[in-house]
N, C-alpha and C. Protein backbone atom coordinates (compact mmCIF):
# COMPACT_ATOMS: atom_id res chain seq x y z
N MET A 1 82.01 -0.78 -10.47
CA MET A 1 82.51 -1.45 -9.27
C MET A 1 82.48 -2.96 -9.49
N ALA A 2 83.56 -3.65 -9.18
CA ALA A 2 83.64 -5.10 -9.44
C ALA A 2 82.82 -5.85 -8.42
N GLN A 3 82.14 -6.91 -8.89
CA GLN A 3 81.35 -7.74 -7.99
C GLN A 3 82.25 -8.73 -7.27
N THR A 4 81.98 -8.95 -6.00
CA THR A 4 82.69 -9.98 -5.26
C THR A 4 82.15 -11.35 -5.65
N ASN A 5 82.91 -12.41 -5.29
CA ASN A 5 82.47 -13.77 -5.61
C ASN A 5 81.13 -14.08 -4.98
N SER A 6 80.92 -13.60 -3.71
CA SER A 6 79.66 -13.89 -3.04
C SER A 6 78.50 -13.18 -3.71
N THR A 7 78.77 -11.92 -4.23
CA THR A 7 77.72 -11.20 -4.93
C THR A 7 77.37 -11.91 -6.22
N LYS A 8 78.39 -12.36 -6.97
CA LYS A 8 78.13 -13.08 -8.21
C LYS A 8 77.33 -14.34 -7.94
N SER A 9 77.66 -15.03 -6.83
CA SER A 9 76.94 -16.26 -6.51
C SER A 9 75.49 -15.95 -6.21
N ALA A 10 75.24 -14.85 -5.50
CA ALA A 10 73.87 -14.48 -5.17
C ALA A 10 73.08 -14.14 -6.42
N VAL A 11 73.73 -13.49 -7.41
CA VAL A 11 73.06 -13.15 -8.66
C VAL A 11 72.70 -14.40 -9.43
N ARG A 12 73.65 -15.38 -9.44
CA ARG A 12 73.37 -16.61 -10.18
C ARG A 12 72.29 -17.44 -9.50
N ASN A 13 72.20 -17.37 -8.13
CA ASN A 13 71.24 -18.18 -7.39
C ASN A 13 70.42 -17.28 -6.46
N PRO A 14 69.55 -16.44 -7.03
CA PRO A 14 68.81 -15.49 -6.20
C PRO A 14 67.91 -16.16 -5.18
N ALA A 15 67.46 -17.39 -5.44
CA ALA A 15 66.55 -18.06 -4.51
C ALA A 15 67.28 -18.91 -3.48
N GLY A 16 68.63 -18.90 -3.54
CA GLY A 16 69.39 -19.71 -2.61
C GLY A 16 69.54 -21.12 -3.13
N PRO A 17 70.21 -21.99 -2.38
CA PRO A 17 70.44 -23.37 -2.83
C PRO A 17 69.13 -24.13 -2.93
N LYS A 18 69.01 -24.97 -3.95
CA LYS A 18 67.81 -25.76 -4.16
C LYS A 18 67.96 -27.12 -3.48
N THR A 19 66.84 -27.62 -2.96
CA THR A 19 66.83 -28.94 -2.35
C THR A 19 66.80 -29.98 -3.47
N SER A 20 67.74 -30.90 -3.44
CA SER A 20 67.80 -31.89 -4.51
C SER A 20 66.65 -32.88 -4.37
N ALA A 21 66.14 -33.34 -5.50
CA ALA A 21 65.05 -34.31 -5.52
C ALA A 21 65.59 -35.68 -5.12
N PRO A 22 64.73 -36.55 -4.59
CA PRO A 22 65.18 -37.92 -4.27
C PRO A 22 65.71 -38.60 -5.51
N PRO A 23 66.65 -39.53 -5.37
CA PRO A 23 67.17 -40.26 -6.53
C PRO A 23 66.04 -40.94 -7.31
N VAL A 24 66.29 -41.14 -8.60
CA VAL A 24 65.27 -41.70 -9.48
C VAL A 24 64.75 -43.03 -8.96
N ARG A 25 65.65 -43.90 -8.52
CA ARG A 25 65.21 -45.22 -8.04
C ARG A 25 64.23 -45.10 -6.88
N GLU A 26 64.50 -44.20 -5.95
CA GLU A 26 63.61 -44.01 -4.81
C GLU A 26 62.26 -43.46 -5.26
N ARG A 27 62.28 -42.52 -6.23
CA ARG A 27 61.02 -41.95 -6.72
C ARG A 27 60.18 -43.01 -7.41
N LEU A 28 60.81 -43.89 -8.16
CA LEU A 28 60.07 -44.96 -8.84
C LEU A 28 59.43 -45.91 -7.84
N ILE A 29 60.16 -46.27 -6.80
CA ILE A 29 59.61 -47.17 -5.78
C ILE A 29 58.44 -46.50 -5.06
N ALA A 30 58.60 -45.23 -4.68
CA ALA A 30 57.54 -44.52 -3.96
C ALA A 30 56.29 -44.36 -4.83
N SER A 31 56.47 -43.98 -6.10
CA SER A 31 55.33 -43.80 -6.99
C SER A 31 54.63 -45.13 -7.26
N ALA A 32 55.41 -46.16 -7.55
CA ALA A 32 54.82 -47.47 -7.84
C ALA A 32 54.08 -48.02 -6.64
N ALA A 33 54.64 -47.88 -5.46
CA ALA A 33 53.98 -48.38 -4.25
C ALA A 33 52.63 -47.70 -4.05
N ARG A 34 52.59 -46.39 -4.21
CA ARG A 34 51.34 -45.67 -4.03
C ARG A 34 50.31 -46.05 -5.10
N LEU A 35 50.75 -46.14 -6.35
CA LEU A 35 49.83 -46.47 -7.44
C LEU A 35 49.35 -47.92 -7.36
N PHE A 36 50.26 -48.84 -7.04
CA PHE A 36 49.85 -50.24 -6.88
C PHE A 36 48.84 -50.38 -5.75
N ALA A 37 49.06 -49.64 -4.65
CA ALA A 37 48.15 -49.71 -3.52
C ALA A 37 46.77 -49.17 -3.89
N GLU A 38 46.74 -48.14 -4.72
CA GLU A 38 45.48 -47.52 -5.11
C GLU A 38 44.74 -48.31 -6.19
N LYS A 39 45.49 -48.84 -7.18
CA LYS A 39 44.84 -49.38 -8.37
C LYS A 39 45.13 -50.85 -8.64
N SER A 40 46.00 -51.46 -7.89
CA SER A 40 46.48 -52.83 -8.07
C SER A 40 47.64 -52.86 -9.06
N PHE A 41 48.41 -53.94 -8.97
CA PHE A 41 49.58 -54.10 -9.83
C PHE A 41 49.18 -54.10 -11.31
N GLY A 42 48.14 -54.84 -11.64
CA GLY A 42 47.71 -54.93 -13.04
C GLY A 42 47.05 -53.68 -13.56
N GLY A 43 46.60 -52.81 -12.66
CA GLY A 43 45.89 -51.60 -13.09
C GLY A 43 46.79 -50.41 -13.34
N VAL A 44 48.09 -50.61 -13.23
CA VAL A 44 49.05 -49.50 -13.40
C VAL A 44 50.06 -49.88 -14.48
N SER A 45 50.30 -48.96 -15.39
CA SER A 45 51.28 -49.21 -16.46
C SER A 45 52.64 -48.62 -16.10
N VAL A 46 53.64 -49.07 -16.81
CA VAL A 46 54.98 -48.51 -16.66
C VAL A 46 54.96 -47.02 -16.94
N ARG A 47 54.21 -46.62 -17.94
CA ARG A 47 54.10 -45.20 -18.29
C ARG A 47 53.50 -44.41 -17.13
N ASP A 48 52.46 -44.96 -16.48
CA ASP A 48 51.84 -44.29 -15.34
C ASP A 48 52.86 -44.04 -14.22
N ILE A 49 53.65 -45.06 -13.94
CA ILE A 49 54.62 -44.97 -12.85
C ILE A 49 55.68 -43.91 -13.15
N CYS A 50 56.21 -43.96 -14.36
CA CYS A 50 57.28 -43.02 -14.73
C CYS A 50 56.77 -41.58 -14.77
N LYS A 51 55.53 -41.41 -15.23
CA LYS A 51 54.95 -40.06 -15.24
C LYS A 51 54.81 -39.53 -13.82
N ASP A 52 54.32 -40.38 -12.92
CA ASP A 52 54.14 -39.97 -11.53
C ASP A 52 55.49 -39.67 -10.87
N ALA A 53 56.51 -40.44 -11.23
CA ALA A 53 57.84 -40.25 -10.64
C ALA A 53 58.63 -39.13 -11.30
N GLY A 54 58.11 -38.61 -12.42
CA GLY A 54 58.79 -37.52 -13.11
C GLY A 54 60.08 -37.95 -13.77
N THR A 55 60.05 -39.13 -14.41
CA THR A 55 61.26 -39.63 -15.06
C THR A 55 60.91 -40.27 -16.39
N SER A 56 61.91 -40.57 -17.19
CA SER A 56 61.67 -41.15 -18.51
C SER A 56 61.26 -42.61 -18.39
N ILE A 57 60.60 -43.11 -19.40
CA ILE A 57 59.96 -44.42 -19.34
C ILE A 57 60.96 -45.57 -19.31
N ASN A 58 62.20 -45.33 -19.73
CA ASN A 58 63.19 -46.42 -19.74
C ASN A 58 63.88 -46.63 -18.39
N MET A 59 63.56 -45.79 -17.40
CA MET A 59 64.23 -45.90 -16.11
C MET A 59 63.84 -47.16 -15.34
N ILE A 60 62.62 -47.65 -15.52
CA ILE A 60 62.23 -48.89 -14.84
C ILE A 60 63.07 -50.04 -15.36
N HIS A 61 63.26 -50.09 -16.66
CA HIS A 61 64.11 -51.14 -17.23
C HIS A 61 65.54 -50.99 -16.73
N HIS A 62 66.01 -49.76 -16.62
CA HIS A 62 67.39 -49.51 -16.21
C HIS A 62 67.64 -50.01 -14.78
N TYR A 63 66.71 -49.72 -13.86
CA TYR A 63 66.92 -50.05 -12.46
C TYR A 63 66.38 -51.41 -12.04
N PHE A 64 65.28 -51.86 -12.68
CA PHE A 64 64.59 -53.05 -12.18
C PHE A 64 64.37 -54.13 -13.24
N GLY A 65 64.64 -53.85 -14.48
CA GLY A 65 64.43 -54.82 -15.54
C GLY A 65 63.05 -54.75 -16.14
N ASN A 66 62.01 -54.75 -15.30
CA ASN A 66 60.62 -54.66 -15.76
C ASN A 66 59.73 -54.30 -14.57
N LYS A 67 58.43 -54.26 -14.82
CA LYS A 67 57.50 -53.87 -13.74
C LYS A 67 57.50 -54.91 -12.62
N GLU A 68 57.65 -56.17 -12.96
CA GLU A 68 57.70 -57.22 -11.94
C GLU A 68 58.93 -57.04 -11.04
N GLY A 69 60.05 -56.66 -11.64
CA GLY A 69 61.25 -56.41 -10.85
C GLY A 69 61.06 -55.23 -9.91
N LEU A 70 60.34 -54.22 -10.36
CA LEU A 70 60.03 -53.07 -9.50
C LEU A 70 59.15 -53.50 -8.34
N ARG A 71 58.14 -54.32 -8.62
CA ARG A 71 57.29 -54.84 -7.53
C ARG A 71 58.12 -55.63 -6.52
N ASP A 72 59.05 -56.46 -7.00
CA ASP A 72 59.88 -57.25 -6.10
C ASP A 72 60.75 -56.35 -5.22
N ALA A 73 61.23 -55.24 -5.79
CA ALA A 73 62.04 -54.29 -5.01
C ALA A 73 61.19 -53.63 -3.92
N ILE A 74 59.94 -53.33 -4.24
CA ILE A 74 59.02 -52.75 -3.26
C ILE A 74 58.79 -53.71 -2.11
N VAL A 75 58.55 -54.97 -2.44
CA VAL A 75 58.31 -55.99 -1.42
C VAL A 75 59.54 -56.17 -0.54
N ALA A 76 60.72 -56.21 -1.16
CA ALA A 76 61.96 -56.38 -0.39
C ALA A 76 62.19 -55.21 0.55
N GLN A 77 61.86 -54.00 0.10
CA GLN A 77 62.02 -52.81 0.94
C GLN A 77 61.12 -52.90 2.16
N PHE A 78 59.88 -53.30 1.95
CA PHE A 78 58.95 -53.45 3.07
C PHE A 78 59.45 -54.51 4.05
N ASP A 79 59.87 -55.63 3.52
CA ASP A 79 60.33 -56.75 4.33
C ASP A 79 61.45 -56.31 5.26
N GLU A 80 62.42 -55.57 4.73
CA GLU A 80 63.57 -55.14 5.53
C GLU A 80 63.23 -53.98 6.45
N ASN A 81 62.50 -52.97 5.94
CA ASN A 81 62.24 -51.76 6.73
C ASN A 81 61.31 -52.02 7.91
N VAL A 82 60.44 -53.01 7.80
CA VAL A 82 59.44 -53.23 8.84
C VAL A 82 59.91 -54.22 9.90
N TYR A 83 60.58 -55.27 9.52
CA TYR A 83 60.79 -56.37 10.45
C TYR A 83 62.20 -56.48 11.05
N LEU A 84 63.20 -55.82 10.48
CA LEU A 84 64.55 -55.98 10.98
C LEU A 84 64.74 -55.41 12.39
N VAL A 85 64.16 -54.24 12.65
CA VAL A 85 64.32 -53.62 13.98
C VAL A 85 63.62 -54.45 15.06
N PRO A 86 62.33 -54.84 14.86
CA PRO A 86 61.70 -55.69 15.89
C PRO A 86 62.44 -57.00 16.11
N MET A 87 63.05 -57.55 15.06
CA MET A 87 63.79 -58.79 15.23
C MET A 87 64.92 -58.63 16.25
N ARG A 88 65.58 -57.47 16.22
CA ARG A 88 66.70 -57.23 17.15
C ARG A 88 66.21 -57.17 18.60
N LEU A 89 64.95 -56.76 18.80
CA LEU A 89 64.40 -56.69 20.15
C LEU A 89 64.21 -58.07 20.77
N LEU A 90 64.10 -59.09 19.92
CA LEU A 90 63.78 -60.44 20.40
C LEU A 90 64.96 -61.40 20.24
N GLU A 91 66.14 -60.87 20.03
CA GLU A 91 67.31 -61.72 19.77
C GLU A 91 67.70 -62.58 20.97
N SER A 92 67.60 -62.02 22.16
CA SER A 92 68.01 -62.75 23.36
C SER A 92 66.80 -63.04 24.24
N PRO A 93 66.84 -64.10 25.04
CA PRO A 93 65.71 -64.43 25.91
C PRO A 93 65.44 -63.33 26.92
N ALA A 94 64.19 -63.23 27.36
CA ALA A 94 63.84 -62.26 28.39
C ALA A 94 64.51 -62.64 29.70
N ALA A 95 64.99 -61.63 30.43
CA ALA A 95 65.69 -61.88 31.69
C ALA A 95 64.73 -61.96 32.87
N SER A 96 63.48 -61.49 32.69
CA SER A 96 62.50 -61.50 33.78
C SER A 96 61.12 -61.29 33.16
N ARG A 97 60.08 -61.41 33.99
CA ARG A 97 58.72 -61.12 33.51
C ARG A 97 58.62 -59.67 33.04
N GLU A 98 59.26 -58.77 33.81
CA GLU A 98 59.22 -57.35 33.46
C GLU A 98 59.92 -57.09 32.13
N ASP A 99 61.04 -57.75 31.93
CA ASP A 99 61.77 -57.61 30.66
C ASP A 99 60.96 -58.17 29.50
N LEU A 100 60.28 -59.29 29.74
CA LEU A 100 59.41 -59.87 28.72
C LEU A 100 58.34 -58.87 28.30
N ALA A 101 57.64 -58.29 29.26
CA ALA A 101 56.57 -57.34 28.96
C ALA A 101 57.11 -56.09 28.26
N ALA A 102 58.26 -55.59 28.72
CA ALA A 102 58.83 -54.37 28.14
C ALA A 102 59.22 -54.59 26.69
N ARG A 103 59.82 -55.75 26.40
CA ARG A 103 60.25 -55.99 25.01
C ARG A 103 59.08 -56.31 24.09
N LEU A 104 58.05 -56.94 24.61
CA LEU A 104 56.85 -57.16 23.79
C LEU A 104 56.16 -55.83 23.46
N LEU A 105 56.15 -54.92 24.44
CA LEU A 105 55.56 -53.60 24.18
C LEU A 105 56.35 -52.86 23.11
N LEU A 106 57.68 -52.89 23.21
CA LEU A 106 58.51 -52.25 22.18
C LEU A 106 58.31 -52.89 20.82
N THR A 107 58.09 -54.20 20.80
CA THR A 107 57.84 -54.90 19.53
C THR A 107 56.54 -54.41 18.92
N PHE A 108 55.50 -54.29 19.74
CA PHE A 108 54.22 -53.74 19.26
C PHE A 108 54.44 -52.34 18.69
N GLU A 109 55.10 -51.48 19.44
CA GLU A 109 55.24 -50.07 19.05
C GLU A 109 56.07 -49.91 17.78
N THR A 110 57.22 -50.55 17.73
CA THR A 110 58.10 -50.36 16.57
C THR A 110 57.52 -51.00 15.30
N THR A 111 56.87 -52.14 15.45
CA THR A 111 56.29 -52.79 14.27
C THR A 111 55.10 -51.99 13.74
N LEU A 112 54.26 -51.49 14.63
CA LEU A 112 53.12 -50.68 14.20
C LEU A 112 53.59 -49.41 13.50
N GLU A 113 54.56 -48.72 14.09
CA GLU A 113 55.06 -47.48 13.49
C GLU A 113 55.66 -47.76 12.11
N ALA A 114 56.37 -48.86 11.96
CA ALA A 114 56.97 -49.20 10.67
C ALA A 114 55.89 -49.54 9.64
N CYS A 115 54.86 -50.26 10.05
CA CYS A 115 53.78 -50.60 9.12
C CYS A 115 53.03 -49.34 8.67
N LEU A 116 52.84 -48.40 9.58
CA LEU A 116 52.18 -47.15 9.20
C LEU A 116 53.06 -46.33 8.26
N ARG A 117 54.35 -46.29 8.56
CA ARG A 117 55.28 -45.53 7.71
C ARG A 117 55.36 -46.13 6.31
N GLU A 118 55.26 -47.44 6.21
CA GLU A 118 55.37 -48.14 4.92
C GLU A 118 54.01 -48.65 4.45
N ARG A 119 52.94 -47.93 4.80
CA ARG A 119 51.61 -48.47 4.56
C ARG A 119 51.32 -48.73 3.08
N ASP A 120 51.71 -47.81 2.19
CA ASP A 120 51.48 -48.03 0.76
C ASP A 120 52.12 -49.33 0.30
N VAL A 121 53.35 -49.55 0.74
CA VAL A 121 54.05 -50.77 0.38
C VAL A 121 53.38 -51.98 1.01
N MET A 122 52.94 -51.83 2.25
CA MET A 122 52.26 -52.93 2.94
C MET A 122 51.00 -53.35 2.19
N MET A 123 50.25 -52.38 1.66
CA MET A 123 49.03 -52.71 0.93
C MET A 123 49.34 -53.47 -0.35
N VAL A 124 50.46 -53.15 -0.99
CA VAL A 124 50.90 -53.90 -2.17
C VAL A 124 51.22 -55.33 -1.78
N VAL A 125 51.94 -55.50 -0.68
CA VAL A 125 52.33 -56.83 -0.21
C VAL A 125 51.08 -57.66 0.09
N ILE A 126 50.10 -57.05 0.77
CA ILE A 126 48.87 -57.77 1.11
C ILE A 126 48.12 -58.16 -0.16
N ARG A 127 47.99 -57.22 -1.08
CA ARG A 127 47.24 -57.49 -2.31
C ARG A 127 47.91 -58.54 -3.17
N GLU A 128 49.22 -58.48 -3.25
CA GLU A 128 49.95 -59.42 -4.11
C GLU A 128 50.27 -60.74 -3.41
N GLN A 129 50.01 -60.80 -2.08
CA GLN A 129 50.32 -62.00 -1.30
C GLN A 129 51.77 -62.44 -1.54
N ALA A 130 52.66 -61.46 -1.47
CA ALA A 130 54.07 -61.70 -1.77
C ALA A 130 54.76 -62.40 -0.61
N PRO A 131 55.64 -63.35 -0.89
CA PRO A 131 56.41 -63.99 0.19
C PRO A 131 57.40 -63.02 0.80
N LEU A 132 57.57 -63.08 2.12
CA LEU A 132 58.45 -62.17 2.84
C LEU A 132 59.43 -62.98 3.68
N ALA A 133 60.68 -63.03 3.23
CA ALA A 133 61.67 -63.85 3.92
C ALA A 133 61.95 -63.34 5.32
N THR A 134 62.06 -62.01 5.48
CA THR A 134 62.36 -61.45 6.79
C THR A 134 61.19 -61.65 7.75
N LEU A 135 59.96 -61.54 7.24
CA LEU A 135 58.79 -61.80 8.09
C LEU A 135 58.81 -63.24 8.60
N ASP A 136 59.14 -64.18 7.73
CA ASP A 136 59.22 -65.57 8.15
C ASP A 136 60.25 -65.75 9.27
N ALA A 137 61.41 -65.09 9.10
CA ALA A 137 62.45 -65.17 10.12
C ALA A 137 62.00 -64.48 11.41
N PHE A 138 61.29 -63.36 11.28
CA PHE A 138 60.78 -62.64 12.45
C PHE A 138 59.80 -63.50 13.23
N GLN A 139 58.88 -64.16 12.51
CA GLN A 139 57.90 -65.01 13.19
C GLN A 139 58.60 -66.17 13.92
N ALA A 140 59.59 -66.76 13.26
CA ALA A 140 60.32 -67.86 13.90
C ALA A 140 61.04 -67.37 15.15
N GLN A 141 61.62 -66.17 15.09
CA GLN A 141 62.32 -65.62 16.25
C GLN A 141 61.35 -65.26 17.36
N PHE A 142 60.17 -64.75 16.97
CA PHE A 142 59.13 -64.40 17.94
C PHE A 142 58.70 -65.67 18.70
N VAL A 143 58.49 -66.76 17.98
CA VAL A 143 58.10 -68.02 18.60
C VAL A 143 59.20 -68.50 19.55
N ALA A 144 60.45 -68.43 19.11
CA ALA A 144 61.57 -68.86 19.96
C ALA A 144 61.66 -68.00 21.23
N PHE A 145 61.39 -66.71 21.10
CA PHE A 145 61.41 -65.80 22.26
C PHE A 145 60.34 -66.20 23.27
N LEU A 146 59.14 -66.51 22.79
CA LEU A 146 58.07 -66.92 23.69
C LEU A 146 58.31 -68.31 24.28
N GLU A 147 58.88 -69.20 23.48
CA GLU A 147 59.20 -70.54 24.00
C GLU A 147 60.25 -70.46 25.11
N ALA A 148 61.22 -69.56 24.95
CA ALA A 148 62.22 -69.37 26.00
C ALA A 148 61.58 -68.82 27.26
N ALA A 149 60.61 -67.91 27.11
CA ALA A 149 59.89 -67.37 28.26
C ALA A 149 59.07 -68.47 28.94
N LYS A 150 58.52 -69.36 28.13
CA LYS A 150 57.78 -70.50 28.70
C LYS A 150 58.71 -71.40 29.52
N ALA A 151 59.90 -71.65 28.99
CA ALA A 151 60.86 -72.50 29.70
C ALA A 151 61.28 -71.90 31.04
N GLU A 152 61.29 -70.56 31.14
CA GLU A 152 61.66 -69.89 32.38
C GLU A 152 60.48 -69.74 33.34
N GLY A 153 59.29 -70.13 32.88
CA GLY A 153 58.11 -70.02 33.74
C GLY A 153 57.46 -68.66 33.72
N TYR A 154 57.81 -67.82 32.75
CA TYR A 154 57.23 -66.47 32.68
C TYR A 154 55.83 -66.49 32.07
N VAL A 155 55.54 -67.47 31.24
CA VAL A 155 54.21 -67.62 30.64
C VAL A 155 53.72 -69.05 30.85
N ARG A 156 52.44 -69.29 30.61
CA ARG A 156 51.85 -70.60 30.84
C ARG A 156 52.51 -71.69 30.00
N GLU A 157 52.60 -72.88 30.54
CA GLU A 157 53.16 -74.01 29.80
C GLU A 157 52.28 -74.39 28.62
N THR A 158 50.99 -74.10 28.72
CA THR A 158 50.05 -74.47 27.66
C THR A 158 49.97 -73.42 26.55
N LEU A 159 50.73 -72.35 26.66
CA LEU A 159 50.66 -71.28 25.66
C LEU A 159 51.05 -71.80 24.28
N GLU A 160 50.21 -71.53 23.28
CA GLU A 160 50.52 -71.87 21.89
C GLU A 160 51.32 -70.72 21.29
N CYS A 161 52.63 -70.82 21.37
CA CYS A 161 53.49 -69.68 21.02
C CYS A 161 53.34 -69.24 19.57
N SER A 162 53.23 -70.20 18.65
CA SER A 162 53.12 -69.83 17.23
C SER A 162 51.80 -69.12 16.95
N LEU A 163 50.73 -69.56 17.61
CA LEU A 163 49.43 -68.92 17.40
C LEU A 163 49.39 -67.53 18.03
N ILE A 164 49.96 -67.38 19.21
CA ILE A 164 49.96 -66.09 19.89
C ILE A 164 50.81 -65.07 19.13
N SER A 165 52.00 -65.48 18.66
CA SER A 165 52.84 -64.55 17.91
C SER A 165 52.15 -64.12 16.62
N GLY A 166 51.47 -65.06 15.95
CA GLY A 166 50.74 -64.73 14.74
C GLY A 166 49.59 -63.78 15.02
N ALA A 167 48.89 -64.00 16.14
CA ALA A 167 47.77 -63.12 16.49
C ALA A 167 48.25 -61.71 16.78
N MET A 168 49.40 -61.59 17.46
CA MET A 168 49.95 -60.26 17.74
C MET A 168 50.27 -59.52 16.45
N LEU A 169 50.93 -60.21 15.52
CA LEU A 169 51.28 -59.57 14.25
C LEU A 169 50.04 -59.23 13.44
N ASP A 170 49.04 -60.09 13.49
CA ASP A 170 47.78 -59.81 12.79
C ASP A 170 47.14 -58.52 13.30
N ARG A 171 47.14 -58.32 14.62
CA ARG A 171 46.56 -57.12 15.21
C ARG A 171 47.29 -55.87 14.73
N ILE A 172 48.61 -55.94 14.69
CA ILE A 172 49.41 -54.78 14.28
C ILE A 172 49.16 -54.43 12.82
N ILE A 173 49.20 -55.44 11.95
CA ILE A 173 49.02 -55.21 10.52
C ILE A 173 47.62 -54.69 10.24
N ALA A 174 46.61 -55.25 10.91
CA ALA A 174 45.23 -54.80 10.70
C ALA A 174 45.05 -53.35 11.13
N GLN A 175 45.70 -52.94 12.22
CA GLN A 175 45.58 -51.55 12.68
C GLN A 175 46.14 -50.59 11.63
N ALA A 176 47.27 -50.95 11.04
CA ALA A 176 47.84 -50.10 9.99
C ALA A 176 47.00 -50.16 8.72
N GLN A 177 46.54 -51.33 8.36
CA GLN A 177 45.75 -51.51 7.14
C GLN A 177 44.48 -50.67 7.17
N TYR A 178 43.80 -50.65 8.32
CA TYR A 178 42.51 -49.95 8.42
C TYR A 178 42.63 -48.56 9.01
N ALA A 179 43.84 -48.03 9.07
CA ALA A 179 44.03 -46.68 9.63
C ALA A 179 43.16 -45.62 8.94
N PRO A 180 43.04 -45.60 7.59
CA PRO A 180 42.17 -44.59 6.96
C PRO A 180 40.71 -44.75 7.36
N TYR A 181 40.23 -45.99 7.48
CA TYR A 181 38.84 -46.23 7.90
C TYR A 181 38.63 -45.77 9.34
N ILE A 182 39.60 -46.05 10.20
CA ILE A 182 39.49 -45.63 11.60
C ILE A 182 39.40 -44.10 11.69
N LYS A 183 40.20 -43.43 10.88
CA LYS A 183 40.17 -41.96 10.88
C LYS A 183 38.82 -41.44 10.37
N ALA A 184 38.31 -42.06 9.30
CA ALA A 184 37.05 -41.60 8.72
C ALA A 184 35.86 -41.88 9.64
N SER A 185 35.89 -43.00 10.35
CA SER A 185 34.74 -43.40 11.15
C SER A 185 34.76 -42.84 12.57
N SER A 186 35.96 -42.65 13.12
CA SER A 186 36.04 -42.22 14.52
C SER A 186 36.80 -40.91 14.73
N GLY A 187 37.49 -40.46 13.68
CA GLY A 187 38.28 -39.24 13.80
C GLY A 187 39.65 -39.46 14.39
N ILE A 188 40.00 -40.70 14.72
CA ILE A 188 41.31 -41.00 15.30
C ILE A 188 42.33 -41.17 14.18
N ASP A 189 43.36 -40.35 14.18
CA ASP A 189 44.40 -40.41 13.16
C ASP A 189 45.54 -41.30 13.67
N VAL A 190 45.43 -42.58 13.39
CA VAL A 190 46.39 -43.55 13.93
C VAL A 190 47.82 -43.17 13.57
N ALA A 191 48.02 -42.74 12.32
CA ALA A 191 49.38 -42.47 11.83
C ALA A 191 50.04 -41.30 12.55
N ASN A 192 49.25 -40.33 13.00
CA ASN A 192 49.84 -39.11 13.57
C ASN A 192 49.53 -38.88 15.04
N ASP A 193 48.74 -39.73 15.64
CA ASP A 193 48.38 -39.56 17.05
C ASP A 193 49.22 -40.53 17.89
N ALA A 194 50.36 -40.05 18.35
CA ALA A 194 51.29 -40.90 19.11
C ALA A 194 50.66 -41.37 20.42
N GLY A 195 49.84 -40.53 21.05
CA GLY A 195 49.20 -40.91 22.29
C GLY A 195 48.24 -42.07 22.10
N TYR A 196 47.47 -42.02 21.03
CA TYR A 196 46.55 -43.13 20.74
C TYR A 196 47.33 -44.42 20.46
N ARG A 197 48.40 -44.32 19.66
CA ARG A 197 49.18 -45.52 19.34
C ARG A 197 49.75 -46.15 20.61
N ALA A 198 50.26 -45.32 21.51
CA ALA A 198 50.83 -45.85 22.75
C ALA A 198 49.76 -46.55 23.58
N ALA A 199 48.58 -45.93 23.68
CA ALA A 199 47.49 -46.53 24.46
C ALA A 199 47.02 -47.82 23.80
N TRP A 200 46.95 -47.84 22.47
CA TRP A 200 46.52 -49.04 21.73
C TRP A 200 47.50 -50.18 21.97
N CYS A 201 48.78 -49.89 21.91
CA CYS A 201 49.79 -50.94 22.11
C CYS A 201 49.72 -51.48 23.53
N ARG A 202 49.58 -50.60 24.52
CA ARG A 202 49.49 -51.05 25.91
C ARG A 202 48.25 -51.91 26.13
N ALA A 203 47.11 -51.49 25.56
CA ALA A 203 45.87 -52.24 25.73
C ALA A 203 45.96 -53.62 25.10
N ASN A 204 46.57 -53.70 23.92
CA ASN A 204 46.70 -55.00 23.26
C ASN A 204 47.66 -55.91 24.02
N LEU A 205 48.76 -55.35 24.51
CA LEU A 205 49.69 -56.17 25.27
C LEU A 205 49.02 -56.67 26.55
N ASP A 206 48.26 -55.81 27.21
CA ASP A 206 47.54 -56.21 28.42
C ASP A 206 46.59 -57.36 28.12
N LEU A 207 45.90 -57.30 26.99
CA LEU A 207 45.00 -58.37 26.61
C LEU A 207 45.74 -59.69 26.42
N PHE A 208 46.88 -59.64 25.71
CA PHE A 208 47.62 -60.85 25.46
C PHE A 208 48.27 -61.42 26.73
N LEU A 209 48.74 -60.52 27.61
CA LEU A 209 49.41 -61.00 28.81
C LEU A 209 48.45 -61.45 29.91
N HIS A 210 47.30 -60.76 30.03
CA HIS A 210 46.43 -61.01 31.17
C HIS A 210 45.03 -61.45 30.80
N GLY A 211 44.64 -61.34 29.55
CA GLY A 211 43.28 -61.72 29.16
C GLY A 211 42.26 -60.74 29.70
N MET A 212 41.00 -61.14 29.66
CA MET A 212 39.92 -60.26 30.12
C MET A 212 39.29 -60.73 31.43
N LEU A 213 39.54 -61.96 31.83
CA LEU A 213 38.91 -62.48 33.03
C LEU A 213 39.65 -62.00 34.28
N ALA A 214 38.90 -61.69 35.32
CA ALA A 214 39.50 -61.27 36.60
C ALA A 214 40.17 -62.47 37.26
N ASP A 215 41.18 -62.18 38.07
CA ASP A 215 41.87 -63.24 38.82
C ASP A 215 40.94 -63.88 39.83
């Protein structure tokens, strides 16, 4: 009896269609970011990265030129993936006090989630003290957003906008940086507990907007 085309296909692929692996360039970036975060840039060889990524040793040269070029690609990925979305939230001035608070809360939430998602890369950036062009632009836009709110009377005239914006970003980055310690010491899984993240963002925004002293 002759086999149909579908039967022949099933015989050739008894396990069904296979999920394709991520492209080589993506695997190299992911492996290098994790290894650099664990062992430092100098503690990882090109051979280590390629072995972890499951590719031949000449692929780093092909895509990045050298290990330094791979590190630069990792930093650029973090810079764009983490800060571009929050920047869009602060593009226009706040229309009211309520709008100011709502957009600051979204900035906290989206930036924290991005830092947690890109934590391996973030740790490389922190360790290497790499310059981040998008972060610089984000900070400048954050300051301009707060200065515009000051001009409308939504925040105090004496507010140090550059210091406050820097303090907010410091809080977010530190929360992502110490997420493993927080989990080990308190059992709170920052990366996977959406309820905790939401409460943390609200509490931090409340502190920045209202302080701790009673009216």
